[in-house]
Amino acid sequence: MRIISILLAALLTATAPLVPLTTQSFAQGHDDNDRARNHLRAGDTLTLREIERRILPRMRGAQYLGPEYDARAQVYRLKFLKDGRVYFVDVDATTGRIIETR
């Protein structure tokens, strides 16, 4: 029982510095959501559905795992799984062109 208490205390001590980072990441994510909405409303970026319509057919045989959006860079990152390997396709949200595949 004492070993569990010591391990729990060590775990809490080790993760304590991460709490402010999590809060900051959440706030940054909230700002990114606002930016993304503003870009869409202004017609500056394509919708996720439009990006997926353009990119998914190019990734035949891969399982689509989902998107991420970087509002500052105006880039969608689509994540795929094929043959046990994860692929990322970065797409310019303003033009729909593929920037990078890795």
C-alpha atoms as a PDB file:
ATOM      1  CA  MET A   1       0.000   0.000   0.000  1.00  0.00           C
ATOM      2  CA  ARG A   2       2.836   2.349   0.817  1.00  0.00           C
ATOM      3  CA  ILE A   3       4.470   1.731  -2.588  1.00  0.00           C
ATOM      4  CA  ILE A   4       1.210   2.709  -4.321  1.00  0.00           C
ATOM      5  CA  SER A   5       1.070   5.934  -2.324  1.00  0.00           C
ATOM      6  CA  ILE A   6       4.665   6.775  -3.225  1.00  0.00           C
ATOM      7  CA  LEU A   7       4.081   6.030  -6.923  1.00  0.00           C
ATOM      8  CA  LEU A   8       0.906   8.117  -6.926  1.00  0.00           C
ATOM      9  CA  ALA A   9       2.702  11.044  -5.281  1.00  0.00           C
ATOM     10  CA  ALA A  10       5.543  10.790  -7.819  1.00  0.00           C
ATOM     11  CA  LEU A  11       3.071  10.705 -10.696  1.00  0.00           C
ATOM     12  CA  LEU A  12       1.226  13.777  -9.430  1.00  0.00           C
ATOM     13  CA  THR A  13       4.499  15.638  -8.909  1.00  0.00           C
ATOM     14  CA  ALA A  14       5.743  14.754 -12.386  1.00  0.00           C
ATOM     15  CA  THR A  15       2.542  15.837 -14.121  1.00  0.00           C
ATOM     16  CA  ALA A  16       1.900  19.033 -12.139  1.00  0.00           C
ATOM     17  CA  PRO A  17       3.912  21.244 -14.538  1.00  0.00           C
ATOM     18  CA  LEU A  18       1.710  20.056 -17.428  1.00  0.00           C
ATOM     19  CA  VAL A  19      -1.486  21.594 -16.066  1.00  0.00           C
ATOM     20  CA  PRO A  20      -0.795  25.173 -17.222  1.00  0.00           C
ATOM     21  CA  LEU A  21       0.202  23.871 -20.670  1.00  0.00           C
ATOM     22  CA  THR A  22      -3.092  22.013 -20.996  1.00  0.00           C
ATOM     23  CA  THR A  23      -5.021  25.149 -20.081  1.00  0.00           C
ATOM     24  CA  GLN A  24      -2.997  27.173 -22.564  1.00  0.00           C
ATOM     25  CA  SER A  25      -3.552  24.568 -25.308  1.00  0.00           C
ATOM     26  CA  PHE A  26      -7.288  24.650 -24.671  1.00  0.00           C
ATOM     27  CA  ALA A  27      -7.345  28.440 -24.920  1.00  0.00           C
ATOM     28  CA  GLN A  28      -5.296  28.322 -28.127  1.00  0.00           C
ATOM     29  CA  GLY A  29      -7.668  25.697 -29.549  1.00  0.00           C
ATOM     30  CA  HIS A  30     -10.611  27.967 -28.750  1.00  0.00           C
ATOM     31  CA  ASP A  31      -8.908  30.854 -30.579  1.00  0.00           C
ATOM     32  CA  ASP A  32      -8.241  28.572 -33.562  1.00  0.00           C
ATOM     33  CA  ASN A  33     -11.921  27.621 -33.696  1.00  0.00           C
ATOM     34  CA  ASP A  34     -12.898  31.287 -33.764  1.00  0.00           C
ATOM     35  CA  ARG A  35     -10.345  31.991 -36.500  1.00  0.00           C
ATOM     36  CA  ALA A  36     -11.587  29.050 -38.553  1.00  0.00           C
ATOM     37  CA  ARG A  37     -15.205  30.228 -38.314  1.00  0.00           C
ATOM     38  CA  ASN A  38     -14.213  33.744 -39.290  1.00  0.00           C
ATOM     39  CA  HIS A  39     -12.243  32.514 -42.321  1.00  0.00           C
ATOM     40  CA  LEU A  40     -15.185  30.386 -43.464  1.00  0.00           C
ATOM     41  CA  ARG A  41     -17.712  33.200 -43.018  1.00  0.00           C
ATOM     42  CA  ALA A  42     -15.518  35.580 -44.976  1.00  0.00           C
ATOM     43  CA  GLY A  43     -15.153  33.024 -47.761  1.00  0.00           C
ATOM     44  CA  ASP A  44     -11.371  32.928 -47.304  1.00  0.00           C
ATOM     45  CA  THR A  45     -11.199  29.144 -46.895  1.00  0.00           C
ATOM     46  CA  LEU A  46     -12.882  26.060 -48.265  1.00  0.00           C
ATOM     47  CA  THR A  47     -15.055  23.939 -45.997  1.00  0.00           C
ATOM     48  CA  LEU A  48     -13.802  20.658 -44.625  1.00  0.00           C
ATOM     49  CA  ARG A  49     -16.395  18.842 -46.763  1.00  0.00           C
ATOM     50  CA  GLU A  50     -14.989  20.463 -49.905  1.00  0.00           C
ATOM     51  CA  ILE A  51     -11.420  19.561 -48.914  1.00  0.00           C
ATOM     52  CA  GLU A  52     -12.452  15.962 -48.189  1.00  0.00           C
ATOM     53  CA  ARG A  53     -14.338  15.778 -51.515  1.00  0.00           C
ATOM     54  CA  ARG A  54     -11.123  16.699 -53.302  1.00  0.00           C
ATOM     55  CA  ILE A  55      -8.621  14.629 -51.306  1.00  0.00           C
ATOM     56  CA  LEU A  56     -10.342  11.391 -50.254  1.00  0.00           C
ATOM     57  CA  PRO A  57     -10.605   9.994 -53.805  1.00  0.00           C
ATOM     58  CA  ARG A  58      -6.827  10.398 -54.147  1.00  0.00           C
ATOM     59  CA  MET A  59      -6.222   8.212 -51.100  1.00  0.00           C
ATOM     60  CA  ARG A  60      -7.886   5.021 -52.338  1.00  0.00           C
ATOM     61  CA  GLY A  61      -7.176   1.987 -50.242  1.00  0.00           C
ATOM     62  CA  ALA A  62      -6.449   4.113 -47.162  1.00  0.00           C
ATOM     63  CA  GLN A  63      -8.679   4.427 -44.123  1.00  0.00           C
ATOM     64  CA  TYR A  64      -9.552   8.053 -43.344  1.00  0.00           C
ATOM     65  CA  LEU A  65      -8.912   8.743 -39.664  1.00  0.00           C
ATOM     66  CA  GLY A  66      -9.978  12.383 -39.540  1.00  0.00           C
ATOM     67  CA  PRO A  67      -8.968  16.021 -39.923  1.00  0.00           C
ATOM     68  CA  GLU A  68      -7.189  18.742 -38.003  1.00  0.00           C
ATOM     69  CA  TYR A  69      -7.192  22.420 -38.880  1.00  0.00           C
ATOM     70  CA  ASP A  70      -4.484  25.016 -38.255  1.00  0.00           C
ATOM     71  CA  ALA A  71      -6.308  28.344 -38.463  1.00  0.00           C
ATOM     72  CA  ARG A  72      -3.136  30.409 -38.277  1.00  0.00           C
ATOM     73  CA  ALA A  73      -1.593  28.678 -41.291  1.00  0.00           C
ATOM     74  CA  GLN A  74      -4.980  27.995 -42.935  1.00  0.00           C
ATOM     75  CA  VAL A  75      -4.025  24.357 -43.466  1.00  0.00           C
ATOM     76  CA  TYR A  76      -6.106  21.219 -43.102  1.00  0.00           C
ATOM     77  CA  ARG A  77      -4.221  18.069 -42.087  1.00  0.00           C
ATOM     78  CA  LEU A  78      -6.010  14.880 -43.059  1.00  0.00           C
ATOM     79  CA  LYS A  79      -4.871  11.668 -41.403  1.00  0.00           C
ATOM     80  CA  PHE A  80      -4.966   8.264 -43.137  1.00  0.00           C
ATOM     81  CA  LEU A  81      -3.977   4.690 -42.338  1.00  0.00           C
ATOM     82  CA  LYS A  82      -2.746   2.377 -45.098  1.00  0.00           C
ATOM     83  CA  ASP A  83      -0.830  -0.885 -44.811  1.00  0.00           C
ATOM     84  CA  GLY A  84      -0.231  -0.264 -41.103  1.00  0.00           C
ATOM     85  CA  ARG A  85       1.341   3.142 -41.713  1.00  0.00           C
ATOM     86  CA  VAL A  86      -0.091   6.558 -40.837  1.00  0.00           C
ATOM     87  CA  TYR A  87      -0.038   9.236 -43.539  1.00  0.00           C
ATOM     88  CA  PHE A  88      -0.690  12.952 -43.191  1.00  0.00           C
ATOM     89  CA  VAL A  89      -1.862  15.063 -46.094  1.00  0.00           C
ATOM     90  CA  ASP A  90      -1.538  18.820 -45.547  1.00  0.00           C
ATOM     91  CA  VAL A  91      -3.926  20.841 -47.694  1.00  0.00           C
ATOM     92  CA  ASP A  92      -4.039  24.597 -48.255  1.00  0.00           C
ATOM     93  CA  ALA A  93      -7.480  25.638 -47.010  1.00  0.00           C
ATOM     94  CA  THR A  94      -7.688  28.579 -49.391  1.00  0.00           C
ATOM     95  CA  THR A  95      -6.934  26.691 -52.628  1.00  0.00           C
ATOM     96  CA  GLY A  96      -7.513  23.019 -51.800  1.00  0.00           C
ATOM     97  CA  ARG A  97      -4.065  22.129 -53.097  1.00  0.00           C
ATOM     98  CA  ILE A  98      -1.944  19.499 -51.388  1.00  0.00           C
ATOM     99  CA  ILE A  99       1.049  21.119 -49.708  1.00  0.00           C
ATOM    100  CA  GLU A 100       2.735  18.013 -48.357  1.00  0.00           C
ATOM    101  CA  THR A 101       2.130  14.303 -47.909  1.00  0.00           C
ATOM    102  CA  ARG A 102       4.067  12.390 -45.294  1.00  0.00           C
END
